[in-house]
Amino acid sequence: MLFTATFSEFYEQFKTSLSDGTFAKLTFAKTITPEVNFTCGDITDPKLFDQPFDVITLIETLEHIPPEFIPQFVKGLHQHLKNDGYLLLTVPSINHKPVEKHYQHFDHTLIGKNLKPYFEITEHFYINKNCFWNKWLKKMIKNDFFVLNHQTTLNWLYRLYSKNWLSACPRTGKRVCVFAKKQALS
């Protein structure tokens, strides 16, 4: 929801919508981002939205879908995108064992298999390097003793993180980011 709020603030010219199958989450989201259009429904329903979107984002979502439902879920995403539309998604990488409520984790090849025939990956990259310093940084920002909220220090730490630990390789990345273009179906 934070992403949706930030996006809608900076890109007011775009129509921003958020869809979720959980009414309680959407009710909370409406209180912090009243300018966003919210929909509670099933993505596989062709009448869920009144018009197609340019971009659909799935941030840490696909891993929560049972594998047997992913094909119809992806088909639903496809039907709600414009013909030249894009899908942006992030998922946990296979470098980490799935946690509770995660059915599976992915690498870019597995994501590609799950998106076919509806989408073609145009770009992928791994982020959030799994290393000692990244874990240390996380503990410095938030831990059981204090929460670091000094803005200058946080900005400095974010620059340090961006430079050294945001970008990763397939072996060290905690997450996979994918841009995928909608494919025409024959």
Protein backbone atom coordinates (compact mmCIF):
# COMPACT_ATOMS: atom_id res chain seq x y z
CA MET A 1 0.00 0.00 0.00
CA LEU A 2 2.88 2.36 0.64
CA PHE A 3 3.94 1.97 -2.99
CA THR A 4 0.42 2.77 -4.16
CA ALA A 5 0.25 5.86 -1.95
CA THR A 6 3.65 7.12 -3.11
CA PHE A 7 2.87 6.41 -6.76
CA SER A 8 -0.46 8.20 -6.63
CA GLU A 9 1.12 11.26 -4.98
CA PHE A 10 3.84 11.68 -7.63
CA TYR A 11 1.89 10.62 -10.69
CA GLU A 12 -1.45 12.33 -10.24
CA GLN A 13 -2.10 12.29 -13.98
CA PHE A 14 -2.40 8.49 -13.90
CA LYS A 15 -5.43 6.60 -12.70
CA THR A 16 -4.27 4.45 -9.82
CA SER A 17 -6.19 1.39 -8.71
CA LEU A 18 -5.52 -1.26 -6.13
CA SER A 19 -7.22 -4.61 -6.14
CA ASP A 20 -7.21 -7.18 -3.38
CA GLY A 21 -9.39 -10.10 -2.46
CA THR A 22 -9.50 -8.98 1.18
CA PHE A 23 -12.05 -6.35 2.08
CA ALA A 24 -10.38 -5.51 5.42
CA LYS A 25 -7.07 -4.65 3.75
CA LEU A 26 -8.78 -2.42 1.22
CA THR A 27 -10.76 -0.64 3.93
CA PHE A 28 -7.50 0.20 5.71
CA ALA A 29 -5.84 1.26 2.45
CA LYS A 30 -8.70 3.65 1.67
CA THR A 31 -8.06 5.52 4.90
CA ILE A 32 -4.44 6.31 4.02
CA THR A 33 -4.88 6.85 0.25
CA PRO A 34 -8.38 8.21 -0.41
CA GLU A 35 -7.39 9.41 -3.91
CA VAL A 36 -6.87 5.83 -5.15
CA ASN A 37 -9.66 3.75 -6.66
CA PHE A 38 -10.00 0.45 -4.81
CA THR A 39 -11.61 -2.75 -5.97
CA CYS A 40 -12.26 -5.91 -4.01
CA GLY A 41 -12.73 -8.83 -6.35
CA ASP A 42 -11.45 -11.75 -8.36
CA ILE A 43 -8.82 -10.86 -11.01
CA THR A 44 -10.14 -13.66 -13.23
CA ASP A 45 -13.50 -11.86 -13.54
CA PRO A 46 -13.43 -10.07 -16.95
CA LYS A 47 -15.89 -7.44 -15.63
CA LEU A 48 -13.82 -6.54 -12.54
CA PHE A 49 -12.56 -3.26 -14.08
CA ASP A 50 -14.31 -0.98 -16.56
CA GLN A 51 -11.17 -0.38 -18.65
CA PRO A 52 -7.77 -2.02 -19.18
CA PHE A 53 -4.57 -0.76 -17.56
CA ASP A 54 -1.22 0.32 -19.02
CA VAL A 55 0.73 -1.39 -16.21
CA ILE A 56 -0.13 -3.90 -13.52
CA THR A 57 2.21 -4.32 -10.56
CA LEU A 58 2.43 -7.37 -8.33
CA ILE A 59 4.75 -6.64 -5.43
CA GLU A 60 5.40 -9.79 -3.41
CA THR A 61 2.11 -11.37 -4.49
CA LEU A 62 2.63 -14.37 -6.80
CA GLU A 63 4.21 -16.52 -4.06
CA HIS A 64 0.89 -16.39 -2.15
CA ILE A 65 -1.05 -18.03 -5.00
CA PRO A 66 -1.32 -21.83 -5.01
CA PRO A 67 0.61 -23.13 -8.05
CA GLU A 68 -2.48 -24.78 -9.53
CA PHE A 69 -4.25 -21.37 -9.66
CA ILE A 70 -1.37 -19.36 -11.19
CA PRO A 71 -2.35 -20.03 -14.85
CA GLN A 72 -5.87 -18.62 -14.41
CA PHE A 73 -4.51 -15.77 -12.24
CA VAL A 74 -2.00 -14.78 -14.95
CA LYS A 75 -4.71 -15.06 -17.60
CA GLY A 76 -6.80 -12.65 -15.49
CA LEU A 77 -3.92 -10.16 -15.37
CA HIS A 78 -3.58 -10.46 -19.16
CA GLN A 79 -7.24 -9.64 -19.79
CA HIS A 80 -7.05 -6.45 -17.71
CA LEU A 81 -4.03 -4.97 -19.55
CA LYS A 82 -4.01 -2.90 -22.70
CA ASN A 83 -2.54 -4.64 -25.76
CA ASP A 84 0.81 -2.88 -25.30
CA GLY A 85 0.67 -3.21 -21.51
CA TYR A 86 3.33 -4.34 -19.07
CA LEU A 87 3.43 -6.40 -15.93
CA LEU A 88 5.93 -5.48 -13.21
CA LEU A 89 6.38 -8.02 -10.46
CA THR A 90 8.68 -8.88 -7.60
CA VAL A 91 8.84 -12.24 -5.87
CA PRO A 92 11.11 -13.89 -3.30
CA SER A 93 14.01 -15.73 -4.87
CA ILE A 94 14.60 -19.48 -4.68
CA ASN A 95 17.65 -18.67 -2.53
CA HIS A 96 15.28 -18.63 0.42
CA LYS A 97 13.09 -21.43 1.68
CA PRO A 98 9.38 -20.50 1.42
CA VAL A 99 7.95 -19.23 4.67
CA GLU A 100 4.44 -19.67 6.03
CA LYS A 101 1.82 -18.44 3.53
CA HIS A 102 4.28 -18.76 0.61
CA TYR A 103 3.57 -21.63 -1.75
CA GLN A 104 6.81 -21.25 -3.67
CA HIS A 105 9.73 -18.97 -4.44
CA PHE A 106 11.08 -18.24 -7.91
CA ASP A 107 13.98 -17.56 -10.22
CA HIS A 108 13.49 -15.68 -13.49
CA THR A 109 13.16 -18.92 -15.48
CA LEU A 110 10.35 -20.23 -13.29
CA ILE A 111 8.58 -16.87 -13.44
CA GLY A 112 8.83 -16.98 -17.24
CA LYS A 113 7.28 -20.45 -17.33
CA ASN A 114 4.42 -19.27 -15.11
CA LEU A 115 3.75 -16.19 -17.26
CA LYS A 116 3.65 -17.99 -20.63
CA PRO A 117 1.79 -17.73 -23.00
CA TYR A 118 0.33 -14.46 -21.71
CA PHE A 119 3.54 -12.50 -21.05
CA GLU A 120 7.13 -12.40 -22.27
CA ILE A 121 9.84 -11.25 -19.86
CA THR A 122 11.66 -8.22 -21.29
CA GLU A 123 13.93 -7.59 -18.31
CA HIS A 124 14.77 -9.25 -15.02
CA PHE A 125 17.15 -8.55 -12.19
CA TYR A 126 17.87 -9.72 -8.66
CA ILE A 127 17.78 -7.35 -5.71
CA ASN A 128 18.42 -7.25 -1.95
CA LYS A 129 21.78 -8.99 -1.70
CA ASN A 130 21.83 -11.63 1.01
CA CYS A 131 24.98 -10.79 2.98
CA PHE A 132 26.17 -10.00 6.48
CA TRP A 133 26.20 -6.22 5.94
CA ASN A 134 22.65 -6.15 4.64
CA LYS A 135 21.47 -8.03 7.74
CA TRP A 136 23.51 -5.69 9.95
CA LEU A 137 21.98 -2.65 8.29
CA LYS A 138 18.47 -3.98 8.83
CA LYS A 139 19.18 -4.51 12.53
CA MET A 140 20.63 -1.01 12.84
CA ILE A 141 17.49 0.57 11.45
CA LYS A 142 15.00 -1.44 13.49
CA ASN A 143 15.66 -3.71 16.43
CA ASP A 144 14.38 -4.53 19.93
CA PHE A 145 16.26 -1.64 21.53
CA PHE A 146 15.59 1.37 19.31
CA VAL A 147 14.25 2.53 15.97
CA LEU A 148 16.62 4.66 13.96
CA ASN A 149 14.68 7.67 12.72
CA HIS A 150 17.35 10.34 12.27
CA GLN A 151 16.65 11.42 8.67
CA THR A 152 20.22 12.38 7.73
CA THR A 153 21.56 9.06 9.00
CA LEU A 154 18.78 7.14 7.25
CA ASN A 155 19.54 8.92 3.97
CA TRP A 156 23.23 8.09 4.32
CA LEU A 157 22.45 4.43 5.10
CA TYR A 158 20.07 4.22 2.12
CA ARG A 159 22.76 5.55 -0.21
CA LEU A 160 25.19 3.00 1.25
CA TYR A 161 22.61 0.23 0.78
CA SER A 162 21.78 1.31 -2.79
CA LYS A 163 25.43 1.39 -3.77
CA ASN A 164 26.49 -1.90 -2.16
CA TRP A 165 23.61 -4.25 -1.42
CA LEU A 166 20.50 -3.38 -3.43
CA SER A 167 21.72 -4.99 -6.65
CA ALA A 168 22.41 -8.72 -6.50
CA CYS A 169 23.10 -11.72 -8.71
CA PRO A 170 20.95 -14.86 -9.05
CA ARG A 171 23.03 -16.61 -6.38
CA THR A 172 22.77 -13.83 -3.75
CA GLY A 173 19.48 -12.04 -4.50
CA LYS A 174 16.62 -12.26 -2.02
CA ARG A 175 14.10 -11.04 -4.61
CA VAL A 176 13.58 -11.21 -8.34
CA CYS A 177 12.17 -8.24 -10.27
CA VAL A 178 10.60 -8.83 -13.66
CA PHE A 179 9.19 -6.60 -16.40
CA ALA A 180 7.00 -8.55 -18.79
CA LYS A 181 5.19 -7.41 -21.94
CA LYS A 182 1.67 -8.57 -22.72
CA GLN A 183 1.62 -11.08 -25.58
CA ALA A 184 -1.06 -11.29 -28.25
CA LEU A 185 -2.83 -14.63 -28.14
CA SER A 186 -3.53 -16.41 -31.38
